[in-house]
Amino acid sequence: MLDCLKAINWKKTGLFAAGVAFGTAGIKILSSDDAKNVYSNCTAAVLRAKDCVMNVVSTVQENAEDIYAEAVEINEERAAKKECFEDEADDDDFEEVENEADAEAAADAE
């Protein structure tokens, strides 16, 4: 039987036993009331940070919507001005053609 005890690597066995002891102690520490309080406080801090981030995100979205609405309005105004300018240009062209036609008619009448 002593031969059996001599064949055991006591260093590895001791490390295993120490790991089990520290693991058991770690589980007890992690499940203690103090640890639960720490977890609760950390979770509450994360939730507060989430609320803050969501407030900033909603503000940015509102600003982006305002900017988009203004950009659409600017483009509509530019399009209206362009139509008005093109209508005036068409009227000027029509008047020029009408004046040329009158001039040709007067020249033919002479």
N, C-alpha and C. Protein backbone atom coordinates (compact mmCIF):
# COMPACT_ATOMS: atom_id res chain seq x y z
N MET A 1 0.81 -1.17 0.00
CA MET A 1 0.00 0.00 0.00
C MET A 1 0.86 1.25 0.00
N LEU A 2 2.01 1.18 0.61
CA LEU A 2 2.91 2.31 0.60
C LEU A 2 3.42 2.59 -0.81
N ASP A 3 3.50 1.56 -1.61
CA ASP A 3 3.92 1.77 -2.99
C ASP A 3 2.88 2.60 -3.74
N CYS A 4 1.66 2.38 -3.43
CA CYS A 4 0.56 3.12 -4.06
C CYS A 4 0.65 4.60 -3.69
N LEU A 5 0.99 4.91 -2.45
CA LEU A 5 1.11 6.30 -2.01
C LEU A 5 2.35 6.96 -2.60
N LYS A 6 3.39 6.18 -2.86
CA LYS A 6 4.59 6.74 -3.46
C LYS A 6 4.36 7.09 -4.92
N ALA A 7 3.46 6.42 -5.60
CA ALA A 7 3.20 6.66 -7.02
C ALA A 7 2.37 7.93 -7.24
N ILE A 8 1.73 8.46 -6.23
CA ILE A 8 0.89 9.66 -6.37
C ILE A 8 1.80 10.88 -6.42
N ASN A 9 1.52 11.75 -7.37
CA ASN A 9 2.25 13.02 -7.47
C ASN A 9 1.56 14.00 -6.52
N TRP A 10 2.17 14.21 -5.34
CA TRP A 10 1.55 15.02 -4.30
C TRP A 10 1.48 16.50 -4.67
N LYS A 11 2.36 16.96 -5.52
CA LYS A 11 2.34 18.37 -5.93
C LYS A 11 1.07 18.65 -6.73
N LYS A 12 0.78 17.78 -7.70
CA LYS A 12 -0.42 17.96 -8.51
C LYS A 12 -1.69 17.77 -7.68
N THR A 13 -1.67 16.82 -6.79
CA THR A 13 -2.83 16.58 -5.93
C THR A 13 -3.07 17.77 -5.01
N GLY A 14 -2.00 18.35 -4.48
CA GLY A 14 -2.11 19.52 -3.61
C GLY A 14 -2.65 20.72 -4.38
N LEU A 15 -2.19 20.90 -5.62
CA LEU A 15 -2.70 22.01 -6.44
C LEU A 15 -4.19 21.82 -6.75
N PHE A 16 -4.59 20.58 -7.01
CA PHE A 16 -6.00 20.30 -7.27
C PHE A 16 -6.85 20.61 -6.04
N ALA A 17 -6.39 20.17 -4.87
CA ALA A 17 -7.13 20.41 -3.63
C ALA A 17 -7.21 21.91 -3.34
N ALA A 18 -6.12 22.64 -3.59
CA ALA A 18 -6.14 24.09 -3.37
C ALA A 18 -7.11 24.75 -4.34
N GLY A 19 -7.16 24.30 -5.58
CA GLY A 19 -8.10 24.85 -6.56
C GLY A 19 -9.53 24.62 -6.16
N VAL A 20 -9.82 23.42 -5.66
CA VAL A 20 -11.17 23.13 -5.20
C VAL A 20 -11.53 24.03 -4.02
N ALA A 21 -10.59 24.21 -3.09
CA ALA A 21 -10.86 25.05 -1.91
C ALA A 21 -11.09 26.50 -2.32
N PHE A 22 -10.23 27.03 -3.22
CA PHE A 22 -10.41 28.41 -3.66
C PHE A 22 -11.68 28.56 -4.49
N GLY A 23 -12.00 27.55 -5.28
CA GLY A 23 -13.23 27.60 -6.07
C GLY A 23 -14.46 27.63 -5.19
N THR A 24 -14.46 26.81 -4.16
CA THR A 24 -15.58 26.78 -3.23
C THR A 24 -15.69 28.11 -2.49
N ALA A 25 -14.56 28.65 -2.07
CA ALA A 25 -14.57 29.95 -1.39
C ALA A 25 -15.02 31.04 -2.35
N GLY A 26 -14.58 30.95 -3.61
CA GLY A 26 -14.98 31.95 -4.61
C GLY A 26 -16.47 31.95 -4.86
N ILE A 27 -17.05 30.75 -4.92
CA ILE A 27 -18.50 30.65 -5.12
C ILE A 27 -19.25 31.26 -3.94
N LYS A 28 -18.74 31.00 -2.72
CA LYS A 28 -19.40 31.58 -1.54
C LYS A 28 -19.27 33.10 -1.54
N ILE A 29 -18.11 33.60 -1.96
CA ILE A 29 -17.91 35.06 -2.00
C ILE A 29 -18.81 35.68 -3.06
N LEU A 30 -18.87 35.06 -4.25
CA LEU A 30 -19.68 35.62 -5.34
C LEU A 30 -21.17 35.56 -5.06
N SER A 31 -21.61 34.64 -4.21
CA SER A 31 -23.04 34.54 -3.89
C SER A 31 -23.39 35.20 -2.56
N SER A 32 -22.46 35.93 -1.97
CA SER A 32 -22.74 36.59 -0.69
C SER A 32 -23.64 37.81 -0.89
N ASP A 33 -24.20 38.30 0.20
CA ASP A 33 -25.08 39.46 0.14
C ASP A 33 -24.34 40.71 -0.32
N ASP A 34 -23.09 40.87 0.13
CA ASP A 34 -22.29 42.04 -0.28
C ASP A 34 -22.06 42.01 -1.79
N ALA A 35 -21.76 40.83 -2.32
CA ALA A 35 -21.55 40.72 -3.76
C ALA A 35 -22.84 41.03 -4.51
N LYS A 36 -23.97 40.58 -4.00
CA LYS A 36 -25.24 40.86 -4.65
C LYS A 36 -25.53 42.35 -4.65
N ASN A 37 -25.16 43.05 -3.58
CA ASN A 37 -25.33 44.51 -3.54
C ASN A 37 -24.47 45.18 -4.60
N VAL A 38 -23.25 44.69 -4.76
CA VAL A 38 -22.36 45.25 -5.80
C VAL A 38 -22.97 45.02 -7.17
N TYR A 39 -23.47 43.80 -7.42
CA TYR A 39 -24.09 43.51 -8.71
C TYR A 39 -25.29 44.42 -8.96
N SER A 40 -26.09 44.62 -7.94
CA SER A 40 -27.27 45.48 -8.08
C SER A 40 -26.88 46.91 -8.39
N ASN A 41 -25.87 47.42 -7.69
CA ASN A 41 -25.41 48.80 -7.93
C ASN A 41 -24.83 48.94 -9.34
N CYS A 42 -24.07 47.96 -9.78
CA CYS A 42 -23.50 48.01 -11.14
C CYS A 42 -24.61 47.98 -12.18
N THR A 43 -25.61 47.13 -11.97
CA THR A 43 -26.72 47.05 -12.91
C THR A 43 -27.51 48.35 -12.94
N ALA A 44 -27.71 48.96 -11.79
CA ALA A 44 -28.41 50.25 -11.73
C ALA A 44 -27.63 51.32 -12.47
N ALA A 45 -26.30 51.32 -12.34
CA ALA A 45 -25.47 52.30 -13.04
C ALA A 45 -25.57 52.10 -14.56
N VAL A 46 -25.59 50.86 -14.99
CA VAL A 46 -25.71 50.58 -16.42
C VAL A 46 -27.07 51.05 -16.94
N LEU A 47 -28.12 50.85 -16.18
CA LEU A 47 -29.45 51.30 -16.60
C LEU A 47 -29.52 52.82 -16.68
N ARG A 48 -28.87 53.51 -15.72
CA ARG A 48 -28.83 54.97 -15.78
C ARG A 48 -28.06 55.44 -17.01
N ALA A 49 -26.97 54.78 -17.32
CA ALA A 49 -26.19 55.13 -18.51
C ALA A 49 -27.01 54.90 -19.78
N LYS A 50 -27.78 53.81 -19.79
CA LYS A 50 -28.63 53.51 -20.95
C LYS A 50 -29.65 54.62 -21.14
N ASP A 51 -30.29 55.07 -20.06
CA ASP A 51 -31.27 56.15 -20.15
C ASP A 51 -30.63 57.42 -20.70
N CYS A 52 -29.43 57.74 -20.23
CA CYS A 52 -28.73 58.93 -20.70
C CYS A 52 -28.42 58.82 -22.19
N VAL A 53 -27.94 57.67 -22.60
CA VAL A 53 -27.61 57.46 -24.02
C VAL A 53 -28.88 57.55 -24.87
N MET A 54 -29.97 56.98 -24.41
CA MET A 54 -31.21 57.01 -25.18
C MET A 54 -31.74 58.45 -25.30
N ASN A 55 -31.57 59.27 -24.27
CA ASN A 55 -31.97 60.67 -24.34
C ASN A 55 -31.16 61.40 -25.41
N VAL A 56 -29.87 61.16 -25.44
CA VAL A 56 -29.01 61.79 -26.44
C VAL A 56 -29.40 61.32 -27.84
N VAL A 57 -29.66 60.04 -27.99
CA VAL A 57 -30.03 59.49 -29.30
C VAL A 57 -31.34 60.11 -29.78
N SER A 58 -32.32 60.25 -28.90
CA SER A 58 -33.59 60.83 -29.32
C SER A 58 -33.41 62.30 -29.70
N THR A 59 -32.55 63.03 -29.01
CA THR A 59 -32.28 64.42 -29.36
C THR A 59 -31.63 64.51 -30.73
N VAL A 60 -30.68 63.63 -31.00
CA VAL A 60 -30.01 63.63 -32.30
C VAL A 60 -31.02 63.29 -33.40
N GLN A 61 -31.91 62.34 -33.16
CA GLN A 61 -32.92 61.98 -34.16
C GLN A 61 -33.85 63.15 -34.44
N GLU A 62 -34.26 63.86 -33.41
CA GLU A 62 -35.14 65.01 -33.60
C GLU A 62 -34.43 66.08 -34.42
N ASN A 63 -33.16 66.34 -34.12
CA ASN A 63 -32.41 67.32 -34.88
C ASN A 63 -32.25 66.89 -36.33
N ALA A 64 -32.02 65.61 -36.55
CA ALA A 64 -31.88 65.12 -37.91
C ALA A 64 -33.18 65.27 -38.68
N GLU A 65 -34.31 65.02 -38.03
CA GLU A 65 -35.61 65.20 -38.69
C GLU A 65 -35.83 66.66 -39.04
N ASP A 66 -35.46 67.59 -38.15
CA ASP A 66 -35.60 69.02 -38.42
C ASP A 66 -34.73 69.42 -39.61
N ILE A 67 -33.50 68.94 -39.63
CA ILE A 67 -32.59 69.26 -40.72
C ILE A 67 -33.14 68.73 -42.04
N TYR A 68 -33.65 67.51 -42.02
CA TYR A 68 -34.22 66.92 -43.24
C TYR A 68 -35.40 67.74 -43.74
N ALA A 69 -36.28 68.15 -42.82
CA ALA A 69 -37.45 68.94 -43.20
C ALA A 69 -37.03 70.27 -43.82
N GLU A 70 -36.03 70.92 -43.24
CA GLU A 70 -35.53 72.18 -43.78
C GLU A 70 -34.91 71.98 -45.16
N ALA A 71 -34.18 70.88 -45.34
CA ALA A 71 -33.56 70.60 -46.64
C ALA A 71 -34.63 70.38 -47.70
N VAL A 72 -35.70 69.66 -47.37
CA VAL A 72 -36.79 69.44 -48.32
C VAL A 72 -37.44 70.77 -48.68
N GLU A 73 -37.64 71.62 -47.69
CA GLU A 73 -38.25 72.92 -47.93
C GLU A 73 -37.37 73.78 -48.84
N ILE A 74 -36.07 73.77 -48.60
CA ILE A 74 -35.13 74.54 -49.44
C ILE A 74 -35.19 74.05 -50.88
N ASN A 75 -35.21 72.73 -51.07
CA ASN A 75 -35.27 72.19 -52.43
C ASN A 75 -36.58 72.54 -53.12
N GLU A 76 -37.68 72.54 -52.37
CA GLU A 76 -38.96 72.93 -52.96
C GLU A 76 -38.95 74.39 -53.38
N GLU A 77 -38.37 75.26 -52.55
CA GLU A 77 -38.28 76.68 -52.89
C GLU A 77 -37.42 76.88 -54.13
N ARG A 78 -36.30 76.16 -54.21
CA ARG A 78 -35.43 76.28 -55.39
C ARG A 78 -36.15 75.80 -56.64
N ALA A 79 -36.90 74.72 -56.51
CA ALA A 79 -37.63 74.20 -57.66
C ALA A 79 -38.70 75.21 -58.11
N ALA A 80 -39.38 75.85 -57.16
CA ALA A 80 -40.40 76.84 -57.49
C ALA A 80 -39.76 78.04 -58.18
N LYS A 81 -38.62 78.50 -57.70
CA LYS A 81 -37.92 79.62 -58.33
C LYS A 81 -37.47 79.25 -59.73
N LYS A 82 -37.00 78.01 -59.89
CA LYS A 82 -36.53 77.56 -61.20
C LYS A 82 -37.70 77.51 -62.18
N GLU A 83 -38.87 77.02 -61.74
CA GLU A 83 -40.04 76.99 -62.60
C GLU A 83 -40.46 78.40 -62.99
N CYS A 84 -40.44 79.30 -62.02
CA CYS A 84 -40.80 80.69 -62.29
C CYS A 84 -39.83 81.30 -63.30
N PHE A 85 -38.54 81.02 -63.13
CA PHE A 85 -37.52 81.55 -64.04
C PHE A 85 -37.70 80.97 -65.43
N GLU A 86 -37.99 79.66 -65.52
CA GLU A 86 -38.20 79.03 -66.82
C GLU A 86 -39.46 79.56 -67.49
N ASP A 87 -40.51 79.84 -66.70
CA ASP A 87 -41.73 80.40 -67.26
C ASP A 87 -41.46 81.79 -67.83
N GLU A 88 -40.68 82.60 -67.10
CA GLU A 88 -40.33 83.93 -67.59
C GLU A 88 -39.48 83.83 -68.84
N ALA A 89 -38.55 82.87 -68.87
CA ALA A 89 -37.71 82.69 -70.05
C ALA A 89 -38.57 82.27 -71.24
N ASP A 90 -39.55 81.41 -71.04
CA ASP A 90 -40.44 80.98 -72.12
C ASP A 90 -41.28 82.15 -72.61
N ASP A 91 -41.74 83.00 -71.68
CA ASP A 91 -42.52 84.18 -72.06
C ASP A 91 -41.66 85.13 -72.88
N ASP A 92 -40.39 85.32 -72.50
CA ASP A 92 -39.48 86.19 -73.23
C ASP A 92 -39.24 85.63 -74.63
N ASP A 93 -39.05 84.33 -74.75
CA ASP A 93 -38.84 83.70 -76.05
C ASP A 93 -40.07 83.87 -76.92
N PHE A 94 -41.26 83.70 -76.31
CA PHE A 94 -42.51 83.84 -77.05
C PHE A 94 -42.65 85.27 -77.55
N GLU A 95 -42.32 86.26 -76.69
CA GLU A 95 -42.42 87.67 -77.08
C GLU A 95 -41.43 87.98 -78.20
N GLU A 96 -40.21 87.40 -78.13
CA GLU A 96 -39.23 87.64 -79.18
C GLU A 96 -39.72 87.07 -80.50
N VAL A 97 -40.27 85.86 -80.47
CA VAL A 97 -40.79 85.24 -81.70
C VAL A 97 -41.97 86.05 -82.22
N GLU A 98 -42.83 86.52 -81.32
CA GLU A 98 -43.98 87.32 -81.73
C GLU A 98 -43.53 88.64 -82.34
N ASN A 99 -42.51 89.29 -81.73
CA ASN A 99 -41.98 90.55 -82.25
C ASN A 99 -41.33 90.33 -83.61
N GLU A 100 -40.62 89.21 -83.78
CA GLU A 100 -39.99 88.92 -85.08
C GLU A 100 -41.07 88.68 -86.14
N ALA A 101 -42.12 87.97 -85.74
CA ALA A 101 -43.21 87.70 -86.68
C ALA A 101 -43.88 89.01 -87.09
N ASP A 102 -44.08 89.92 -86.13
CA ASP A 102 -44.67 91.23 -86.45
C ASP A 102 -43.75 92.01 -87.36
N ALA A 103 -42.45 91.94 -87.10
CA ALA A 103 -41.49 92.67 -87.93
C ALA A 103 -41.49 92.10 -89.34
N GLU A 104 -41.54 90.81 -89.49
CA GLU A 104 -41.56 90.19 -90.81
C GLU A 104 -42.87 90.55 -91.54
N ALA A 105 -43.96 90.54 -90.80
CA ALA A 105 -45.26 90.89 -91.41
C ALA A 105 -45.23 92.35 -91.87
N ALA A 106 -44.63 93.21 -91.09
CA ALA A 106 -44.56 94.63 -91.48
C ALA A 106 -43.65 94.79 -92.68
N ALA A 107 -42.57 94.00 -92.73
CA ALA A 107 -41.64 94.09 -93.85
C ALA A 107 -42.32 93.56 -95.12
N ASP A 108 -43.10 92.52 -94.98
CA ASP A 108 -43.81 91.97 -96.15
C ASP A 108 -44.90 92.93 -96.62
N ALA A 109 -45.49 93.65 -95.69
CA ALA A 109 -46.56 94.59 -96.05
C ALA A 109 -45.97 95.77 -96.81
N GLU A 110 -44.75 96.09 -96.62
CA GLU A 110 -44.16 97.25 -97.29
C GLU A 110 -43.83 96.86 -98.65
